[in-house]
């Protein structure tokens, strides 16, 4: 579902780019804000956030605690009352999902 949402966003952006190119508005866009063919940092962060939001609740919690709150696996395990091995499982699966999303994006770059 996440991958399809990302594909839809990228298809929409490709259509916008083709329209701008066809109408000659590309020069105006470059002057306004540096329009680029590549995926911008904001777009990339938006895609990653979308992928994280679509993760199962437990995996999302574990990933958030690890990456945003800088908690260790042991601290997360104690907080959520699960084993450190389960925390490791959730983190590795979350990172695998994000790698899939990012590799899908490379198709559009």
C-alpha atoms as a PDB file:
ATOM      1  CA  UNK A   1       0.000   0.000   0.000  1.00  0.00           C
ATOM      2  CA  UNK A   2       2.832   2.389   0.885  1.00  0.00           C
ATOM      3  CA  UNK A   3       4.739   1.539  -2.255  1.00  0.00           C
ATOM      4  CA  UNK A   4       1.658   2.230  -4.388  1.00  0.00           C
ATOM      5  CA  UNK A   5       1.073   5.549  -2.640  1.00  0.00           C
ATOM      6  CA  UNK A   6       4.663   6.534  -3.363  1.00  0.00           C
ATOM      7  CA  UNK A   7       4.328   5.452  -6.982  1.00  0.00           C
ATOM      8  CA  UNK A   8       1.184   7.564  -7.295  1.00  0.00           C
ATOM      9  CA  UNK A   9       2.963  10.626  -5.894  1.00  0.00           C
ATOM     10  CA  UNK A  10       5.885  10.133  -8.232  1.00  0.00           C
ATOM     11  CA  UNK A  11       3.612   9.618 -11.263  1.00  0.00           C
ATOM     12  CA  UNK A  12       1.788  12.826 -10.384  1.00  0.00           C
ATOM     13  CA  UNK A  13       5.094  14.694 -10.166  1.00  0.00           C
ATOM     14  CA  UNK A  14       6.220  13.275 -13.493  1.00  0.00           C
ATOM     15  CA  UNK A  15       3.011  14.487 -15.100  1.00  0.00           C
ATOM     16  CA  UNK A  16       3.503  17.932 -13.564  1.00  0.00           C
ATOM     17  CA  UNK A  17       7.042  18.038 -14.880  1.00  0.00           C
ATOM     18  CA  UNK A  18       5.954  17.007 -18.375  1.00  0.00           C
ATOM     19  CA  UNK A  19       3.247  19.661 -18.335  1.00  0.00           C
ATOM     20  CA  UNK A  20       5.677  22.357 -17.195  1.00  0.00           C
ATOM     21  CA  UNK A  21       8.182  21.302 -19.815  1.00  0.00           C
ATOM     22  CA  UNK A  22       5.552  21.313 -22.553  1.00  0.00           C
ATOM     23  CA  UNK A  23       4.217  24.734 -21.625  1.00  0.00           C
ATOM     24  CA  UNK A  24       7.602  26.334 -21.213  1.00  0.00           C
ATOM     25  CA  UNK A  25       6.945  27.200 -17.573  1.00  0.00           C
ATOM     26  CA  UNK A  26      10.014  25.343 -16.435  1.00  0.00           C
ATOM     27  CA  UNK A  27      12.195  28.447 -16.654  1.00  0.00           C
ATOM     28  CA  UNK A  28       9.782  30.347 -14.418  1.00  0.00           C
ATOM     29  CA  UNK A  29       9.787  27.498 -11.895  1.00  0.00           C
ATOM     30  CA  UNK A  30      13.584  27.416 -11.796  1.00  0.00           C
ATOM     31  CA  UNK A  31      13.674  31.137 -11.123  1.00  0.00           C
ATOM     32  CA  UNK A  32      11.121  30.818  -8.310  1.00  0.00           C
ATOM     33  CA  UNK A  33      12.505  27.928  -6.345  1.00  0.00           C
ATOM     34  CA  UNK A  34      15.062  25.771  -8.072  1.00  0.00           C
ATOM     35  CA  UNK A  35      12.770  23.196  -9.713  1.00  0.00           C
ATOM     36  CA  UNK A  36      14.667  19.954 -10.102  1.00  0.00           C
ATOM     37  CA  UNK A  37      14.161  16.660 -11.898  1.00  0.00           C
ATOM     38  CA  UNK A  38      15.435  14.741  -8.892  1.00  0.00           C
ATOM     39  CA  UNK A  39      13.482  13.936  -5.761  1.00  0.00           C
ATOM     40  CA  UNK A  40      13.941  16.755  -3.254  1.00  0.00           C
ATOM     41  CA  UNK A  41      14.878  16.209   0.362  1.00  0.00           C
ATOM     42  CA  UNK A  42      11.417  17.299   1.508  1.00  0.00           C
ATOM     43  CA  UNK A  43       9.783  14.811  -0.859  1.00  0.00           C
ATOM     44  CA  UNK A  44      12.077  12.052   0.317  1.00  0.00           C
ATOM     45  CA  UNK A  45      11.311  12.780   3.971  1.00  0.00           C
ATOM     46  CA  UNK A  46       7.599  12.831   3.136  1.00  0.00           C
ATOM     47  CA  UNK A  47       7.879   9.399   1.507  1.00  0.00           C
ATOM     48  CA  UNK A  48       9.801   7.977   4.464  1.00  0.00           C
ATOM     49  CA  UNK A  49       7.251   9.425   6.886  1.00  0.00           C
ATOM     50  CA  UNK A  50       4.437   7.870   4.858  1.00  0.00           C
ATOM     51  CA  UNK A  51       6.182   4.493   4.939  1.00  0.00           C
ATOM     52  CA  UNK A  52       6.695   4.713   8.719  1.00  0.00           C
ATOM     53  CA  UNK A  53       3.049   5.732   9.297  1.00  0.00           C
ATOM     54  CA  UNK A  54       1.903   2.639   7.367  1.00  0.00           C
ATOM     55  CA  UNK A  55       3.951   0.238   9.501  1.00  0.00           C
ATOM     56  CA  UNK A  56       2.195  -1.927  12.090  1.00  0.00           C
ATOM     57  CA  UNK A  57       1.721  -0.049  15.375  1.00  0.00           C
ATOM     58  CA  UNK A  58       4.303  -1.972  17.416  1.00  0.00           C
ATOM     59  CA  UNK A  59       6.957  -1.682  14.701  1.00  0.00           C
ATOM     60  CA  UNK A  60       6.239   2.030  14.311  1.00  0.00           C
ATOM     61  CA  UNK A  61       6.593   2.577  18.089  1.00  0.00           C
ATOM     62  CA  UNK A  62       9.862   0.659  18.265  1.00  0.00           C
ATOM     63  CA  UNK A  63      11.279   2.453  15.224  1.00  0.00           C
ATOM     64  CA  UNK A  64      10.247   5.865  16.564  1.00  0.00           C
ATOM     65  CA  UNK A  65      11.790   5.188  19.981  1.00  0.00           C
ATOM     66  CA  UNK A  66      14.995   3.995  18.383  1.00  0.00           C
ATOM     67  CA  UNK A  67      15.429   6.715  15.771  1.00  0.00           C
ATOM     68  CA  UNK A  68      13.705   9.773  17.254  1.00  0.00           C
ATOM     69  CA  UNK A  69      14.192   9.280  20.963  1.00  0.00           C
ATOM     70  CA  UNK A  70      17.626   7.643  20.606  1.00  0.00           C
ATOM     71  CA  UNK A  71      16.739   4.807  22.962  1.00  0.00           C
ATOM     72  CA  UNK A  72      18.778   1.615  23.080  1.00  0.00           C
ATOM     73  CA  UNK A  73      17.225  -1.763  22.318  1.00  0.00           C
ATOM     74  CA  UNK A  74      17.273  -2.610  26.039  1.00  0.00           C
ATOM     75  CA  UNK A  75      15.552   0.669  26.977  1.00  0.00           C
ATOM     76  CA  UNK A  76      12.853   0.127  24.343  1.00  0.00           C
ATOM     77  CA  UNK A  77      12.380  -3.467  25.506  1.00  0.00           C
ATOM     78  CA  UNK A  78      11.894  -2.373  29.123  1.00  0.00           C
ATOM     79  CA  UNK A  79       9.541   0.475  28.168  1.00  0.00           C
ATOM     80  CA  UNK A  80       7.318  -1.718  25.980  1.00  0.00           C
ATOM     81  CA  UNK A  81       7.725  -4.839  28.142  1.00  0.00           C
ATOM     82  CA  UNK A  82       9.066  -6.950  25.262  1.00  0.00           C
ATOM     83  CA  UNK A  83      12.352  -8.768  24.737  1.00  0.00           C
ATOM     84  CA  UNK A  84      15.382  -7.001  23.209  1.00  0.00           C
ATOM     85  CA  UNK A  85      15.326  -9.640  20.468  1.00  0.00           C
ATOM     86  CA  UNK A  86      11.785  -8.543  19.529  1.00  0.00           C
ATOM     87  CA  UNK A  87      12.988  -4.945  19.380  1.00  0.00           C
ATOM     88  CA  UNK A  88      15.800  -6.020  17.058  1.00  0.00           C
ATOM     89  CA  UNK A  89      13.274  -7.894  14.891  1.00  0.00           C
ATOM     90  CA  UNK A  90      11.036  -4.832  14.564  1.00  0.00           C
ATOM     91  CA  UNK A  91      13.944  -2.507  13.757  1.00  0.00           C
ATOM     92  CA  UNK A  92      15.359  -4.808  11.094  1.00  0.00           C
ATOM     93  CA  UNK A  93      11.926  -5.210   9.466  1.00  0.00           C
ATOM     94  CA  UNK A  94      11.306  -1.451   9.580  1.00  0.00           C
ATOM     95  CA  UNK A  95      14.649  -0.771   7.916  1.00  0.00           C
ATOM     96  CA  UNK A  96      13.946  -3.450   5.292  1.00  0.00           C
ATOM     97  CA  UNK A  97      10.623  -1.752   4.473  1.00  0.00           C
ATOM     98  CA  UNK A  98      12.346   1.613   4.158  1.00  0.00           C
ATOM     99  CA  UNK A  99      15.013   0.121   1.892  1.00  0.00           C
ATOM    100  CA  UNK A 100      12.259  -1.202  -0.393  1.00  0.00           C
ATOM    101  CA  UNK A 101      10.656   2.243  -0.533  1.00  0.00           C
ATOM    102  CA  UNK A 102      13.966   3.940  -1.273  1.00  0.00           C
ATOM    103  CA  UNK A 103      14.905   1.423  -3.943  1.00  0.00           C
ATOM    104  CA  UNK A 104      11.486   2.035  -5.546  1.00  0.00           C
ATOM    105  CA  UNK A 105      12.233   5.748  -5.583  1.00  0.00           C
ATOM    106  CA  UNK A 106      15.504   5.184  -7.421  1.00  0.00           C
ATOM    107  CA  UNK A 107      13.350   4.206 -10.408  1.00  0.00           C
ATOM    108  CA  UNK A 108      12.130   7.793 -10.637  1.00  0.00           C
ATOM    109  CA  UNK A 109      15.450   9.558 -10.128  1.00  0.00           C
END
